Protein backbone atom coordinates (compact mmCIF):
# COMPACT_ATOMS: atom_id res chain seq x y z
CA MET A 1 -71.07 -14.92 9.97
CA THR A 2 -67.56 -14.28 10.57
CA LYS A 3 -67.86 -15.35 14.11
CA ILE A 4 -69.80 -18.32 12.57
CA LEU A 5 -67.31 -19.51 9.98
CA LEU A 6 -64.38 -18.74 12.56
CA SER A 7 -66.24 -20.78 15.39
CA LEU A 8 -66.58 -23.57 12.81
CA PHE A 9 -63.15 -23.56 11.54
CA LEU A 10 -61.56 -23.69 14.97
CA THR A 11 -64.31 -26.74 16.16
CA THR A 12 -62.99 -28.19 13.41
CA ALA A 13 -59.74 -28.09 13.81
CA ILE A 14 -59.82 -28.72 17.21
CA THR A 15 -61.64 -31.67 16.80
CA ALA A 16 -58.98 -33.28 14.44
CA CYS A 17 -56.31 -32.32 17.06
CA ALA A 18 -57.85 -34.34 19.50
CA LYS A 19 -58.28 -37.64 17.62
CA ASP A 20 -54.31 -37.49 16.93
CA VAL A 21 -53.57 -38.03 20.25
CA ASP A 22 -53.10 -41.02 21.89
CA ALA A 23 -54.31 -41.62 25.42
CA THR A 24 -51.87 -44.50 25.92
CA PRO A 25 -48.66 -43.91 27.72
CA SER A 26 -46.16 -44.47 26.10
CA LYS A 27 -42.89 -47.18 26.53
CA PRO A 28 -39.73 -46.36 27.45
CA HIS A 29 -37.19 -46.22 24.90
CA ALA A 30 -34.46 -49.59 25.52
CA VAL A 31 -31.08 -47.98 27.04
CA ARG A 32 -28.04 -49.41 25.07
CA LEU A 33 -24.62 -50.10 27.34
CA ALA A 34 -21.79 -51.52 26.13
CA VAL A 35 -19.69 -53.51 26.99
CA SER A 36 -16.22 -54.83 25.25
CA VAL A 37 -14.44 -58.12 26.49
CA THR A 38 -10.59 -57.10 26.40
CA GLU A 39 -7.65 -59.19 27.71
CA LYS A 40 -8.63 -57.42 30.86
CA GLY A 41 -12.28 -58.68 31.25
CA PHE A 42 -15.37 -57.09 30.44
CA GLU A 43 -15.30 -53.46 30.22
CA PRO A 44 -16.81 -51.79 32.07
CA ASP A 45 -17.06 -54.60 34.55
CA ASN A 46 -19.93 -52.39 36.48
CA LEU A 47 -23.03 -51.24 35.14
CA THR A 48 -26.40 -49.43 36.47
CA VAL A 49 -30.04 -49.55 35.07
CA GLN A 50 -32.78 -48.46 36.20
CA LYS A 51 -35.43 -50.81 36.94
CA GLY A 52 -38.58 -52.14 34.48
CA VAL A 53 -36.73 -49.94 31.61
CA PRO A 54 -35.67 -52.09 28.46
CA THR A 55 -31.99 -52.59 28.42
CA ILE A 56 -29.65 -53.53 25.80
CA LEU A 57 -26.05 -54.78 26.73
CA VAL A 58 -23.80 -54.79 23.54
CA PHE A 59 -20.71 -57.15 23.62
CA THR A 60 -18.24 -56.96 21.83
CA ARG A 61 -15.37 -60.02 22.66
CA LYS A 62 -12.30 -58.29 21.23
CA THR A 63 -9.68 -60.37 21.89
CA ASP A 64 -8.69 -64.43 21.59
CA LYS A 65 -7.08 -64.46 24.84
CA THR A 66 -9.05 -65.03 27.26
CA CYS A 67 -12.11 -67.97 27.92
CA ALA A 68 -14.56 -65.32 27.59
CA LYS A 69 -16.34 -66.60 24.63
CA GLU A 70 -20.19 -66.54 25.33
CA VAL A 71 -21.88 -64.73 28.29
CA VAL A 72 -24.20 -65.23 30.73
CA LEU A 73 -26.18 -61.95 32.20
CA GLN A 74 -28.33 -62.77 35.25
CA ILE A 75 -31.57 -60.88 34.74
CA THR A 76 -33.33 -62.21 37.89
CA LYS A 77 -32.25 -64.30 41.06
CA THR A 78 -33.15 -67.14 39.09
CA GLU A 79 -33.15 -66.39 35.68
CA THR A 80 -30.33 -66.03 33.32
CA ILE A 81 -29.47 -65.28 29.41
CA LYS A 82 -26.50 -67.37 27.71
CA LYS A 83 -24.85 -66.09 24.14
CA ALA A 84 -21.95 -67.03 22.28
CA LEU A 85 -19.46 -64.18 21.56
CA PRO A 86 -17.71 -64.77 18.28
CA LEU A 87 -14.66 -62.15 18.06
CA ASP A 88 -15.16 -58.82 16.61
CA GLN A 89 -19.38 -58.76 16.65
CA PRO A 90 -21.29 -57.47 19.01
CA VAL A 91 -24.16 -59.12 20.26
CA GLU A 92 -26.87 -57.55 21.95
CA VAL A 93 -28.06 -59.13 24.84
CA ALA A 94 -31.79 -57.29 25.94
CA ALA A 95 -33.57 -57.72 29.00
CA THR A 96 -36.02 -55.97 31.20
CA PHE A 97 -34.82 -55.91 34.64
CA SER A 98 -38.12 -55.96 37.22
CA GLU A 99 -36.42 -56.23 40.83
CA ALA A 100 -33.99 -53.47 42.28
CA GLY A 101 -30.55 -54.91 43.33
CA LYS A 102 -27.16 -56.79 42.07
CA LEU A 103 -27.31 -59.11 39.01
CA SER A 104 -24.06 -60.54 37.52
CA TYR A 105 -22.61 -61.00 34.34
CA ALA A 106 -20.06 -63.90 33.37
CA CYS A 107 -18.54 -65.93 31.09
CA GLY A 108 -19.17 -69.07 30.55
CA MET A 109 -16.50 -70.50 32.70
CA ASN A 110 -17.30 -67.47 35.70
CA MET A 111 -13.51 -66.44 35.46
CA MET A 112 -14.15 -63.19 34.35
CA THR A 113 -17.43 -61.23 36.00
CA GLY A 114 -19.20 -58.33 36.26
CA VAL A 115 -22.31 -56.60 38.26
CA VAL A 116 -25.51 -55.52 37.08
CA THR A 117 -26.68 -52.63 39.61
CA VAL A 118 -30.80 -52.54 39.44
CA GLN A 119 -31.70 -49.71 40.65
């Protein structure tokens, strides 16, 4: 009788645990990278990201002495995202880069630039 109860208990426990397992693969967590806009330009001006991994670039303009009042981020060879950069306020730009290679980010006048290397 004890063996039957133990067997029944173990079967129930294993079945309950198996129901909690999700067979769908989890999505990768977003990688956050900070970029400051200073009198020197974008710092850092070279970022490396992984292809297919959700990425959040957080731009913070720390000076009013440059033309970098907005950022234009190239996410594919033909597609860009443009965001205003208010002074001293972090601005998140979310993207998932789908192709390996080098893409750019720049101020609206393209005078200050940076590179995103997608691996």
